[in-house]
Amino acid sequence: MAAAARGRPGNLTRVCPRDPHQPMNPVIEVNDLTARYGRTTILRHVSFTVAKGEIFLIVGGSGCGKSTLLKHMIGLLEPAAGDVMLLGQSLVNADDAQRLALTRRFGVLYQTGALFGAMTLAENVALPLREFTDLPDALIRAITEVKLSQVGLQGFGEYLPSELSGGMKKRAGLARAMALEPEILFFDEPSSGLDPVTAADLDGLILRLRETQGTTMVIVTHDLASINAIADRVIMLDPIVRGILAEGRPDELRDHADPLVRRFFRRIGTTADAERRSA
């Protein structure tokens, strides 16, 4: 049944979470990061690592700093203090050339998909290849077709974004984020505005990409069913703490010492069960 996929998207085999007792191979390190807007501190002394191939989720209530943290991790904002290391290199201390090289090693799927409305899907997906490589047109067209096929949009290359559904726009944005074969993908609320079935399809696509390509995923989300379906590990941010209130696997956090954390993660299971019953 379609809605049952919110608990386990598609027919994919769920990859077992990383053993927390095994040493990590971090591709992302956030070290003692403090984020401010003017004189207002949003996050303070935030530190965590993300291992290669993990699906790592950033969750929490509105105003807790999820999107702010993501913007610091992709270099859109400079921290007031601390550092972000991507693939062994400081994003904060990188010069322009180093930063440009780093940006080619990760992709970003923005909340709206951020497609250029006057360009076809094929043109949108090809844009990073034309901007950052010297590949011939024939090869760019071939890569573009492959990326659209990977997200289930083969045959839609000549469509404009206005001709697509919300879920198709998200998948097209993901195809563009994947164009340069990034080692890391960042997602900002990927299921925002999607119905449960379409959101489940996107969850399944995220799992397939990790399983087939080993891509590390960092996802900001408020979607409780997605947290249950795809997360290897989660950090929960809190506006009172102004940082990380809890970290671990979703199943571990259901028995966390903090009652706020317990309520949040126990609600995940309840919500997923309710959606399955409504299928």
C-alpha atoms as a PDB file:
ATOM      1  CA  MET A   1       0.000   0.000   0.000  1.00  0.00           C
ATOM      2  CA  ALA A   2       1.318   3.409  -0.972  1.00  0.00           C
ATOM      3  CA  ALA A   3       1.103   5.194   2.346  1.00  0.00           C
ATOM      4  CA  ALA A   4       2.804   2.335   4.116  1.00  0.00           C
ATOM      5  CA  ALA A   5       5.946   3.495   2.384  1.00  0.00           C
ATOM      6  CA  ARG A   6       6.245   6.306   4.906  1.00  0.00           C
ATOM      7  CA  GLY A   7       7.570   3.726   7.321  1.00  0.00           C
ATOM      8  CA  ARG A   8       9.817   2.010   4.768  1.00  0.00           C
ATOM      9  CA  PRO A   9       9.888   3.687   1.333  1.00  0.00           C
ATOM     10  CA  GLY A  10       9.491   1.505  -1.727  1.00  0.00           C
ATOM     11  CA  ASN A  11      10.870  -2.018  -1.588  1.00  0.00           C
ATOM     12  CA  LEU A  12      14.306  -0.987  -0.408  1.00  0.00           C
ATOM     13  CA  THR A  13      16.273  -2.890   2.179  1.00  0.00           C
ATOM     14  CA  ARG A  14      16.965  -0.589   5.099  1.00  0.00           C
ATOM     15  CA  VAL A  15      20.694  -0.162   5.727  1.00  0.00           C
ATOM     16  CA  CYS A  16      21.581  -0.870   9.350  1.00  0.00           C
ATOM     17  CA  PRO A  17      22.578   2.237  11.319  1.00  0.00           C
ATOM     18  CA  ARG A  18      26.236   2.797  12.041  1.00  0.00           C
ATOM     19  CA  ASP A  19      27.491   1.113  15.173  1.00  0.00           C
ATOM     20  CA  PRO A  20      28.142   4.056  17.550  1.00  0.00           C
ATOM     21  CA  HIS A  21      31.000   2.114  19.158  1.00  0.00           C
ATOM     22  CA  GLN A  22      32.932   1.915  15.885  1.00  0.00           C
ATOM     23  CA  PRO A  23      35.276   4.787  14.941  1.00  0.00           C
ATOM     24  CA  MET A  24      33.798   7.242  12.460  1.00  0.00           C
ATOM     25  CA  ASN A  25      35.312   8.281   9.175  1.00  0.00           C
ATOM     26  CA  PRO A  26      34.063  11.882   9.267  1.00  0.00           C
ATOM     27  CA  VAL A  27      33.550  13.786   6.049  1.00  0.00           C
ATOM     28  CA  ILE A  28      31.930  16.695   7.921  1.00  0.00           C
ATOM     29  CA  GLU A  29      33.114  18.164  11.209  1.00  0.00           C
ATOM     30  CA  VAL A  30      31.348  21.082  12.878  1.00  0.00           C
ATOM     31  CA  ASN A  31      33.588  22.365  15.639  1.00  0.00           C
ATOM     32  CA  ASP A  32      32.346  24.657  18.421  1.00  0.00           C
ATOM     33  CA  LEU A  33      30.200  26.671  16.003  1.00  0.00           C
ATOM     34  CA  THR A  34      28.433  29.808  17.202  1.00  0.00           C
ATOM     35  CA  ALA A  35      25.916  31.523  14.913  1.00  0.00           C
ATOM     36  CA  ARG A  36      24.535  35.010  15.376  1.00  0.00           C
ATOM     37  CA  TYR A  37      22.245  37.392  13.540  1.00  0.00           C
ATOM     38  CA  GLY A  38      23.401  40.793  14.723  1.00  0.00           C
ATOM     39  CA  ARG A  39      23.546  40.614  18.513  1.00  0.00           C
ATOM     40  CA  THR A  40      21.175  37.654  18.702  1.00  0.00           C
ATOM     41  CA  THR A  41      22.839  34.278  19.261  1.00  0.00           C
ATOM     42  CA  ILE A  42      20.993  31.490  17.452  1.00  0.00           C
ATOM     43  CA  LEU A  43      23.425  28.632  18.081  1.00  0.00           C
ATOM     44  CA  ARG A  44      26.375  28.377  20.446  1.00  0.00           C
ATOM     45  CA  HIS A  45      29.194  25.843  20.830  1.00  0.00           C
ATOM     46  CA  VAL A  46      27.667  23.333  18.404  1.00  0.00           C
ATOM     47  CA  SER A  47      29.922  20.367  17.583  1.00  0.00           C
ATOM     48  CA  PHE A  48      29.236  17.113  15.737  1.00  0.00           C
ATOM     49  CA  THR A  49      30.615  14.919  12.970  1.00  0.00           C
ATOM     50  CA  VAL A  50      29.022  13.138  10.017  1.00  0.00           C
ATOM     51  CA  ALA A  51      30.486   9.885   8.727  1.00  0.00           C
ATOM     52  CA  LYS A  52      30.949   8.938   5.104  1.00  0.00           C
ATOM     53  CA  GLY A  53      27.756   7.420   3.718  1.00  0.00           C
ATOM     54  CA  GLU A  54      25.545   8.484   6.645  1.00  0.00           C
ATOM     55  CA  ILE A  55      22.059   9.890   6.313  1.00  0.00           C
ATOM     56  CA  PHE A  56      22.279  12.519   9.023  1.00  0.00           C
ATOM     57  CA  LEU A  57      19.189  14.524   9.974  1.00  0.00           C
ATOM     58  CA  ILE A  58      18.896  17.895  11.708  1.00  0.00           C
ATOM     59  CA  VAL A  59      15.533  18.238  13.450  1.00  0.00           C
ATOM     60  CA  GLY A  60      13.763  20.416  16.000  1.00  0.00           C
ATOM     61  CA  GLY A  61      10.931  22.887  16.379  1.00  0.00           C
ATOM     62  CA  SER A  62      10.490  26.152  14.530  1.00  0.00           C
ATOM     63  CA  GLY A  63      13.107  28.766  15.351  1.00  0.00           C
ATOM     64  CA  CYS A  64      15.666  26.315  16.736  1.00  0.00           C
ATOM     65  CA  GLY A  65      18.290  27.127  14.088  1.00  0.00           C
ATOM     66  CA  LYS A  66      18.028  24.164  11.690  1.00  0.00           C
ATOM     67  CA  SER A  67      18.248  26.194   8.480  1.00  0.00           C
ATOM     68  CA  THR A  68      20.791  28.548  10.039  1.00  0.00           C
ATOM     69  CA  LEU A  69      23.047  25.582  10.792  1.00  0.00           C
ATOM     70  CA  LEU A  70      22.659  24.262   7.251  1.00  0.00           C
ATOM     71  CA  LYS A  71      23.564  27.648   5.756  1.00  0.00           C
ATOM     72  CA  HIS A  72      26.768  27.663   7.812  1.00  0.00           C
ATOM     73  CA  MET A  73      27.574  24.120   6.675  1.00  0.00           C
ATOM     74  CA  ILE A  74      27.378  25.069   2.982  1.00  0.00           C
ATOM     75  CA  GLY A  75      29.177  28.388   3.383  1.00  0.00           C
ATOM     76  CA  LEU A  76      26.272  30.776   2.868  1.00  0.00           C
ATOM     77  CA  LEU A  77      26.831  32.235   6.335  1.00  0.00           C
ATOM     78  CA  GLU A  78      30.049  32.828   8.276  1.00  0.00           C
ATOM     79  CA  PRO A  79      30.057  31.656  11.899  1.00  0.00           C
ATOM     80  CA  ALA A  80      30.637  34.103  14.714  1.00  0.00           C
ATOM     81  CA  ALA A  81      33.038  31.487  16.071  1.00  0.00           C
ATOM     82  CA  GLY A  82      34.074  27.933  15.328  1.00  0.00           C
ATOM     83  CA  ASP A  83      34.715  26.053  12.118  1.00  0.00           C
ATOM     84  CA  VAL A  84      33.127  23.757   9.542  1.00  0.00           C
ATOM     85  CA  MET A  85      35.364  21.094   8.002  1.00  0.00           C
ATOM     86  CA  LEU A  86      34.221  19.473   4.774  1.00  0.00           C
ATOM     87  CA  LEU A  87      36.190  16.534   3.406  1.00  0.00           C
ATOM     88  CA  GLY A  88      39.135  17.442   5.606  1.00  0.00           C
ATOM     89  CA  GLN A  89      39.278  21.127   4.675  1.00  0.00           C
ATOM     90  CA  SER A  90      38.106  24.194   6.572  1.00  0.00           C
ATOM     91  CA  LEU A  91      35.254  25.927   4.791  1.00  0.00           C
ATOM     92  CA  VAL A  92      35.586  28.934   7.075  1.00  0.00           C
ATOM     93  CA  ASN A  93      39.293  29.504   6.441  1.00  0.00           C
ATOM     94  CA  ALA A  94      39.305  28.585   2.743  1.00  0.00           C
ATOM     95  CA  ASP A  95      40.335  31.215   0.223  1.00  0.00           C
ATOM     96  CA  ASP A  96      38.169  31.864  -2.830  1.00  0.00           C
ATOM     97  CA  ALA A  97      39.830  29.210  -4.983  1.00  0.00           C
ATOM     98  CA  GLN A  98      39.664  26.585  -2.231  1.00  0.00           C
ATOM     99  CA  ARG A  99      36.035  27.389  -1.503  1.00  0.00           C
ATOM    100  CA  LEU A 100      35.125  27.087  -5.180  1.00  0.00           C
ATOM    101  CA  ALA A 101      36.818  23.695  -5.318  1.00  0.00           C
ATOM    102  CA  LEU A 102      34.922  22.568  -2.211  1.00  0.00           C
ATOM    103  CA  THR A 103      31.552  23.670  -3.586  1.00  0.00           C
ATOM    104  CA  ARG A 104      32.085  21.329  -6.530  1.00  0.00           C
ATOM    105  CA  ARG A 105      32.284  18.420  -4.094  1.00  0.00           C
ATOM    106  CA  PHE A 106      28.844  18.908  -2.542  1.00  0.00           C
ATOM    107  CA  GLY A 107      25.341  19.543  -3.854  1.00  0.00           C
ATOM    108  CA  VAL A 108      22.370  21.317  -2.306  1.00  0.00           C
ATOM    109  CA  LEU A 109      18.648  20.706  -2.730  1.00  0.00           C
ATOM    110  CA  TYR A 110      16.857  23.831  -1.573  1.00  0.00           C
ATOM    111  CA  GLN A 111      13.379  23.767  -0.079  1.00  0.00           C
ATOM    112  CA  THR A 112      11.647  25.013  -3.245  1.00  0.00           C
ATOM    113  CA  GLY A 113      13.910  23.175  -5.667  1.00  0.00           C
ATOM    114  CA  ALA A 114      15.245  26.599  -6.786  1.00  0.00           C
ATOM    115  CA  LEU A 115      14.896  25.799 -10.488  1.00  0.00           C
ATOM    116  CA  PHE A 116      15.252  28.584 -13.042  1.00  0.00           C
ATOM    117  CA  GLY A 117      11.760  29.059 -14.444  1.00  0.00           C
ATOM    118  CA  ALA A 118      12.823  30.136 -17.938  1.00  0.00           C
ATOM    119  CA  MET A 119      15.051  27.084 -18.407  1.00  0.00           C
ATOM    120  CA  THR A 120      13.990  23.535 -19.215  1.00  0.00           C
ATOM    121  CA  LEU A 121      14.758  20.732 -16.788  1.00  0.00           C
ATOM    122  CA  ALA A 122      17.638  19.613 -18.975  1.00  0.00           C
ATOM    123  CA  GLU A 123      19.057  23.133 -19.030  1.00  0.00           C
ATOM    124  CA  ASN A 124      18.704  23.407 -15.244  1.00  0.00           C
ATOM    125  CA  VAL A 125      20.518  20.123 -14.646  1.00  0.00           C
ATOM    126  CA  ALA A 126      23.224  20.954 -17.195  1.00  0.00           C
ATOM    127  CA  LEU A 127      23.932  24.362 -15.668  1.00  0.00           C
ATOM    128  CA  PRO A 128      26.558  23.222 -13.086  1.00  0.00           C
ATOM    129  CA  LEU A 129      28.303  21.184 -15.778  1.00  0.00           C
ATOM    130  CA  ARG A 130      28.491  24.197 -18.078  1.00  0.00           C
ATOM    131  CA  GLU A 131      29.606  26.509 -15.266  1.00  0.00           C
ATOM    132  CA  PHE A 132      32.245  24.303 -13.656  1.00  0.00           C
ATOM    133  CA  THR A 133      33.551  21.982 -16.379  1.00  0.00           C
ATOM    134  CA  ASP A 134      34.893  22.108 -19.925  1.00  0.00           C
ATOM    135  CA  LEU A 135      33.004  19.005 -21.034  1.00  0.00           C
ATOM    136  CA  PRO A 136      31.750  18.924 -24.619  1.00  0.00           C
ATOM    137  CA  ASP A 137      28.051  19.527 -25.254  1.00  0.00           C
ATOM    138  CA  ALA A 138      27.383  15.926 -26.251  1.00  0.00           C
ATOM    139  CA  LEU A 139      28.759  14.600 -22.973  1.00  0.00           C
ATOM    140  CA  ILE A 140      26.874  17.226 -20.955  1.00  0.00           C
ATOM    141  CA  ARG A 141      23.637  16.154 -22.654  1.00  0.00           C
ATOM    142  CA  ALA A 142      24.388  12.505 -21.895  1.00  0.00           C
ATOM    143  CA  ILE A 143      25.145  13.210 -18.215  1.00  0.00           C
ATOM    144  CA  THR A 144      21.985  15.303 -17.955  1.00  0.00           C
ATOM    145  CA  GLU A 145      19.878  12.440 -19.289  1.00  0.00           C
ATOM    146  CA  VAL A 146      21.461  10.042 -16.808  1.00  0.00           C
ATOM    147  CA  LYS A 147      20.783  12.367 -13.858  1.00  0.00           C
ATOM    148  CA  LEU A 148      17.158  12.894 -14.871  1.00  0.00           C
ATOM    149  CA  SER A 149      16.780   9.129 -15.235  1.00  0.00           C
ATOM    150  CA  GLN A 150      18.241   8.549 -11.758  1.00  0.00           C
ATOM    151  CA  VAL A 151      15.469  10.661 -10.222  1.00  0.00           C
ATOM    152  CA  GLY A 152      12.710   9.141 -12.371  1.00  0.00           C
ATOM    153  CA  LEU A 153      12.354  12.075 -14.790  1.00  0.00           C
ATOM    154  CA  GLN A 154      13.542  10.489 -18.004  1.00  0.00           C
ATOM    155  CA  GLY A 155      11.646  12.030 -20.925  1.00  0.00           C
ATOM    156  CA  PHE A 156      10.936  15.281 -19.055  1.00  0.00           C
ATOM    157  CA  GLY A 157      14.070  17.157 -20.077  1.00  0.00           C
ATOM    158  CA  GLU A 158      12.252  19.651 -22.305  1.00  0.00           C
ATOM    159  CA  TYR A 159       9.604  20.519 -19.725  1.00  0.00           C
ATOM    160  CA  LEU A 160       9.640  23.846 -17.902  1.00  0.00           C
ATOM    161  CA  PRO A 161       9.414  23.874 -14.098  1.00  0.00           C
ATOM    162  CA  SER A 162       5.941  25.441 -14.314  1.00  0.00           C
ATOM    163  CA  GLU A 163       4.721  22.305 -16.077  1.00  0.00           C
ATOM    164  CA  LEU A 164       5.701  19.997 -13.211  1.00  0.00           C
ATOM    165  CA  SER A 165       4.176  18.930  -9.910  1.00  0.00           C
ATOM    166  CA  GLY A 166       5.835  19.870  -6.630  1.00  0.00           C
ATOM    167  CA  GLY A 167       7.375  16.426  -6.240  1.00  0.00           C
ATOM    168  CA  MET A 168       8.786  16.498  -9.756  1.00  0.00           C
ATOM    169  CA  LYS A 169      10.352  19.896  -9.105  1.00  0.00           C
ATOM    170  CA  LYS A 170      12.055  18.505  -5.995  1.00  0.00           C
ATOM    171  CA  ARG A 171      13.404  15.560  -7.982  1.00  0.00           C
ATOM    172  CA  ALA A 172      14.605  17.865 -10.751  1.00  0.00           C
ATOM    173  CA  GLY A 173      16.385  19.996  -8.153  1.00  0.00           C
ATOM    174  CA  LEU A 174      18.006  16.846  -6.817  1.00  0.00           C
ATOM    175  CA  ALA A 175      19.151  15.866 -10.328  1.00  0.00           C
ATOM    176  CA  ARG A 176      20.840  19.259 -10.647  1.00  0.00           C
ATOM    177  CA  ALA A 177      22.439  18.900  -7.205  1.00  0.00           C
ATOM    178  CA  MET A 178      23.847  15.549  -8.344  1.00  0.00           C
ATOM    179  CA  ALA A 179      25.197  16.819 -11.669  1.00  0.00           C
ATOM    180  CA  LEU A 180      28.823  17.087 -10.549  1.00  0.00           C
ATOM    181  CA  GLU A 181      28.798  13.702  -8.749  1.00  0.00           C
ATOM    182  CA  PRO A 182      29.080  15.274  -5.285  1.00  0.00           C
ATOM    183  CA  GLU A 183      30.378  13.362  -2.303  1.00  0.00           C
ATOM    184  CA  ILE A 184      27.913  15.125   0.013  1.00  0.00           C
ATOM    185  CA  LEU A 185      24.306  16.199  -0.569  1.00  0.00           C
ATOM    186  CA  PHE A 186      22.579  18.763   1.650  1.00  0.00           C
ATOM    187  CA  PHE A 187      18.767  18.960   1.759  1.00  0.00           C
ATOM    188  CA  ASP A 188      16.662  21.804   3.188  1.00  0.00           C
ATOM    189  CA  GLU A 189      13.191  20.470   4.089  1.00  0.00           C
ATOM    190  CA  PRO A 190      12.957  18.156   1.051  1.00  0.00           C
ATOM    191  CA  SER A 191       9.421  16.952   1.843  1.00  0.00           C
ATOM    192  CA  SER A 192       8.021  20.429   2.527  1.00  0.00           C
ATOM    193  CA  GLY A 193       4.764  20.952   0.617  1.00  0.00           C
ATOM    194  CA  LEU A 194       4.540  17.337  -0.552  1.00  0.00           C
ATOM    195  CA  ASP A 195       1.741  14.886   0.148  1.00  0.00           C
ATOM    196  CA  PRO A 196       2.682  11.777   2.198  1.00  0.00           C
ATOM    197  CA  VAL A 197       2.945   9.443  -0.794  1.00  0.00           C
ATOM    198  CA  THR A 198       5.136  11.827  -2.810  1.00  0.00           C
ATOM    199  CA  ALA A 199       7.272  12.483   0.261  1.00  0.00           C
ATOM    200  CA  ALA A 200       7.675   8.713   0.714  1.00  0.00           C
ATOM    201  CA  ASP A 201       8.844   8.421  -2.890  1.00  0.00           C
ATOM    202  CA  LEU A 202      11.460  11.080  -2.207  1.00  0.00           C
ATOM    203  CA  ASP A 203      12.589   9.194   0.905  1.00  0.00           C
ATOM    204  CA  GLY A 204      13.024   6.103  -1.225  1.00  0.00           C
ATOM    205  CA  LEU A 205      15.077   8.031  -3.757  1.00  0.00           C
ATOM    206  CA  ILE A 206      17.359   9.345  -0.996  1.00  0.00           C
ATOM    207  CA  LEU A 207      17.947   5.810   0.279  1.00  0.00           C
ATOM    208  CA  ARG A 208      18.658   4.495  -3.229  1.00  0.00           C
ATOM    209  CA  LEU A 209      21.232   7.207  -3.857  1.00  0.00           C
ATOM    210  CA  ARG A 210      23.060   6.394  -0.652  1.00  0.00           C
ATOM    211  CA  GLU A 211      22.922   2.661  -1.297  1.00  0.00           C
ATOM    212  CA  THR A 212      24.033   2.824  -4.937  1.00  0.00           C
ATOM    213  CA  GLN A 213      26.498   5.727  -4.779  1.00  0.00           C
ATOM    214  CA  GLY A 214      27.567   5.939  -1.128  1.00  0.00           C
ATOM    215  CA  THR A 215      26.650   9.618  -0.968  1.00  0.00           C
ATOM    216  CA  THR A 216      26.674  11.276   2.451  1.00  0.00           C
ATOM    217  CA  MET A 217      23.367  13.054   3.135  1.00  0.00           C
ATOM    218  CA  VAL A 218      22.652  15.904   5.557  1.00  0.00           C
ATOM    219  CA  ILE A 219      18.937  16.679   5.767  1.00  0.00           C
ATOM    220  CA  VAL A 220      17.067  19.418   7.602  1.00  0.00           C
ATOM    221  CA  THR A 221      13.489  18.248   8.104  1.00  0.00           C
ATOM    222  CA  HIS A 222      10.355  18.576  10.193  1.00  0.00           C
ATOM    223  CA  ASP A 223       8.771  15.482   8.601  1.00  0.00           C
ATOM    224  CA  LEU A 224       8.318  12.949  11.397  1.00  0.00           C
ATOM    225  CA  ALA A 225       7.737  10.009   9.055  1.00  0.00           C
ATOM    226  CA  SER A 226      10.914  10.768   7.104  1.00  0.00           C
ATOM    227  CA  ILE A 227      12.930  10.819  10.319  1.00  0.00           C
ATOM    228  CA  ASN A 228      11.684   7.331  11.118  1.00  0.00           C
ATOM    229  CA  ALA A 229      12.177   6.051   7.559  1.00  0.00           C
ATOM    230  CA  ILE A 230      15.632   7.232   6.527  1.00  0.00           C
ATOM    231  CA  ALA A 231      17.714   8.563   9.418  1.00  0.00           C
ATOM    232  CA  ASP A 232      20.884   6.790  10.484  1.00  0.00           C
ATOM    233  CA  ARG A 233      21.539   9.459  13.106  1.00  0.00           C
ATOM    234  CA  VAL A 234      19.824  12.642  14.259  1.00  0.00           C
ATOM    235  CA  ILE A 235      20.651  15.798  16.130  1.00  0.00           C
ATOM    236  CA  MET A 236      17.766  17.673  17.738  1.00  0.00           C
ATOM    237  CA  LEU A 237      18.248  21.409  18.135  1.00  0.00           C
ATOM    238  CA  ASP A 238      16.484  23.461  20.789  1.00  0.00           C
ATOM    239  CA  PRO A 239      15.955  27.253  20.908  1.00  0.00           C
ATOM    240  CA  ILE A 240      16.357  27.400  24.683  1.00  0.00           C
ATOM    241  CA  VAL A 241      19.617  25.458  24.686  1.00  0.00           C
ATOM    242  CA  ARG A 242      20.621  27.266  21.456  1.00  0.00           C
ATOM    243  CA  GLY A 243      22.286  24.115  20.348  1.00  0.00           C
ATOM    244  CA  ILE A 244      22.044  20.339  20.375  1.00  0.00           C
ATOM    245  CA  LEU A 245      19.570  18.969  22.895  1.00  0.00           C
ATOM    246  CA  ALA A 246      20.000  15.330  21.836  1.00  0.00           C
ATOM    247  CA  GLU A 247      21.967  13.177  19.388  1.00  0.00           C
ATOM    248  CA  GLY A 248      21.620   9.548  18.339  1.00  0.00           C
ATOM    249  CA  ARG A 249      19.483   7.100  16.398  1.00  0.00           C
ATOM    250  CA  PRO A 250      15.721   7.783  16.424  1.00  0.00           C
ATOM    251  CA  ASP A 251      15.031   4.513  18.268  1.00  0.00           C
ATOM    252  CA  GLU A 252      17.578   5.434  20.953  1.00  0.00           C
ATOM    253  CA  LEU A 253      16.119   8.907  21.459  1.00  0.00           C
ATOM    254  CA  ARG A 254      12.647   7.559  22.268  1.00  0.00           C
ATOM    255  CA  ASP A 255      14.059   6.687  25.708  1.00  0.00           C
ATOM    256  CA  HIS A 256      16.132   9.844  26.178  1.00  0.00           C
ATOM    257  CA  ALA A 257      16.411  11.328  29.658  1.00  0.00           C
ATOM    258  CA  ASP A 258      14.895  14.636  28.544  1.00  0.00           C
ATOM    259  CA  PRO A 259      11.066  14.432  28.392  1.00  0.00           C
ATOM    260  CA  LEU A 260      10.917  16.892  25.473  1.00  0.00           C
ATOM    261  CA  VAL A 261      13.133  14.590  23.412  1.00  0.00           C
ATOM    262  CA  ARG A 262      11.120  11.512  24.417  1.00  0.00           C
ATOM    263  CA  ARG A 263       7.832  13.131  23.384  1.00  0.00           C
ATOM    264  CA  PHE A 264       9.240  14.239  20.037  1.00  0.00           C
ATOM    265  CA  PHE A 265      10.662  10.868  19.044  1.00  0.00           C
ATOM    266  CA  ARG A 266       7.820   8.774  20.430  1.00  0.00           C
ATOM    267  CA  ARG A 267       5.483  10.908  18.352  1.00  0.00           C
ATOM    268  CA  ILE A 268       7.448   9.835  15.262  1.00  0.00           C
ATOM    269  CA  GLY A 269       6.384   6.222  15.683  1.00  0.00           C
ATOM    270  CA  THR A 270       2.789   7.216  16.455  1.00  0.00           C
ATOM    271  CA  THR A 271       2.601   9.407  13.366  1.00  0.00           C
ATOM    272  CA  ALA A 272       4.055   6.742  11.075  1.00  0.00           C
ATOM    273  CA  ASP A 273       1.591   4.168  12.427  1.00  0.00           C
ATOM    274  CA  ALA A 274      -1.327   6.554  11.878  1.00  0.00           C
ATOM    275  CA  GLU A 275      -0.311   7.159   8.289  1.00  0.00           C
ATOM    276  CA  ARG A 276      -0.081   3.425   7.641  1.00  0.00           C
ATOM    277  CA  ARG A 277      -3.559   2.899   9.095  1.00  0.00           C
ATOM    278  CA  SER A 278      -4.968   5.652   6.863  1.00  0.00           C
ATOM    279  CA  ALA A 279      -3.572   4.043   3.675  1.00  0.00           C
END
